Amino acid sequence: MKRPKLRKASKRVSCSKRYKIQKKVREHNRKLKKEAKKKGLKKHVKKDPGVPNSAPFKEEVLREAEQRRLQIEEEKERKRQAKKEERAQKRKKEKEAAVKEAEPSAKKARTDTTESNSVKRLAPNKNSKQHLCSELNKVIDASDVVIEVLDARDPLGCRCPQLEEAVLLGGKKKLLFVLTKIDLVPKENVEKWIECLQREFPVVAFKASTQMRDKTVKTKRKRVVPSNEVLDRSKGAACFGSECLAELLSAYAAKTQSEAALKVGVVGFPNVGKSSLINNLKGMMACHVGIAKGTTKTVQEVHMSKTVKLMDSPGVVASPSNPAASMALRSLQVEEGQQTVLDAVNTLLKQCDKSQVMLQYTVPDFRSSLEFLTLLAKKRGFLQKGGVPNMEQAANTFLTDWTGAKLSYHCKVPGNYSLPNYMTEEVVAEMQNGWDLAKVKAGNMEILKGLKFPNLASSIGFVSRGPTAGLLTVAAVPEERPPAEREAQRNSENDMPGETEELHETEELEKLQKTVKDKPSKVHFQPVPVDISLSTVYTDDAYDFNTDFK
């Protein structure tokens, strides 16, 4: 059944009621006029008649009147601005008084001393190389034990010879290797790297928890609390190696027999897991971590216990003289805008086996890095308006997988590995003295037994470029070479014997396209002799079946 429409209420009133309202309004207006007349108020202001035309010097009088009017307006504006400034000063003083009342006495004293200083120091740029190098040097100078964090996917590439040499020359300091992200590398590869690196310094295997929470923030209570820790381990919530490293540092601090706490500096290249290591040793979110490179800008001290104090440091600044693959993974060139993301992806793809990359990202065969990014963008749904693949987003995702703790790739241990020039047998013995090496070995074996590792076939093989040179002082930055020489060096480094034939074909096609573009665009036609005699002209338009369908 159709619902009937509701009619709106009518605004019509009876005539007697309307006349009554009008009468009351007239009486009210009459009353207001009488009161205004008694008070002497006039509603209508008389209009200024102005200067009559017959008056002498009319123009001068009008000009003087206009000037007087402008002066009065200027005076009013000046008074208005003065009142406005006075109100602003009053509000500012009230705000300062309220802030001073809320501040403690110690902070008041500090603010008074800072206000008395006439010269104000400018804040340093935290993104500059000078600032990062100075902060790193502060950590090295102040620490008793230096932990160099190495990514297990490329431990040799994460080593910095300049940093290690500075630690060895800095007096009675100990250097310790921590191999992070071991859950992204096959087990056989991790064991070989630990055996290789133990020839120089003690090595501790470590896997950080990916679900570290800030304990200062209140979390919602869960109705069901899981009692089985295996569930958390499968999700990556468990941390491996923190107990072994904490016991090792506490035992060394007890041996020193010093009243002051043992200062442990954590150093390494960006995105190797320095801040995550400190957070897991502390057991809470003490340092800020992020996927982007260069998250840590300044030194941060964290007390692990009464006897051990950890110091977080910014990442080591990579030298521009390093190979392109090392710069793409460990430098801040992409973040600083010195290198595009597409160039970094192209450099990394040349160091890997193409078939393994295809299996890892489930994309079909590709001939170049641009084609790979196009396929990856379509696969992940990174599309712009009109269905155009977003190459920039795909390249950023690919680069984040390689620098973050997500992608599994590994580097082979060199067969004929020898000690660096700054390392001798005496230095190795001194660095290993004071540590309980048997306990370290047992702890590493226990970690390798309890952790799940990826299969060798599912991990991408990567060609390491050796140790990455770092800058401890900005004065050590070499002069920039012309772009032609840098491009030639990049090409010589990236030309590997295992490159595919498809990439060579694309390079040849690009060369051909360049040569075609360089050629002039004019087309010259050669004259052809044409017989225009009458014998060649057909005068009869009759259809001949034998000649047309032979």
Foldseek 3Di string as FASTA:
>chain_A
DDDDDDDDDDPDDDPVVVVVVVVVVVVVVVVVVVVCVVVVHDDDDDDDPADDPPDPPRVVVVVVVVVVVVVVVVVVVVVVVVVVVVVVVVVVVVVVVVVVVVDDPVVVVVVVVVVPDPDDDDDDDLPDPQLQLVQVVVLLQPAQEEEEEAEQQFRQAFDAPVVVLCNLVNPNHFYEYEHELQQQEDLVSSVVVCVVVLLFFHYFYWYFAPPAAAPVDDDDDDPDDDPDCVVVQVVRRDIARLVLVVVQLVLLLVVVPDPQAHEYEYATFWLSQRQRSVCVLQRHNPDDDDLDTFPDRHWDWDDSDRRYIYIYGTYFAFAPVAALQSCLQGHCCCVVVVDPLLVSQQLQVLFWDQVLVCVQQVFDDDLGSQRVLQRSQVVVVQADPPRRRDSRVSSVVVSSCRSHSHARAHEHDDDPDDDDPSDDPVNRVSNHPSTPSVSSVVSRVVRSVPHNHDDPSNHIYGYDPGYTHGDSHPVPHDDDDDPVVVVVVNVVVSDDPPDDVSNVVVVVVVVVVVVVVPDDPDDDDDDDDDDPDPVVDDPDPDDDPVVPPD
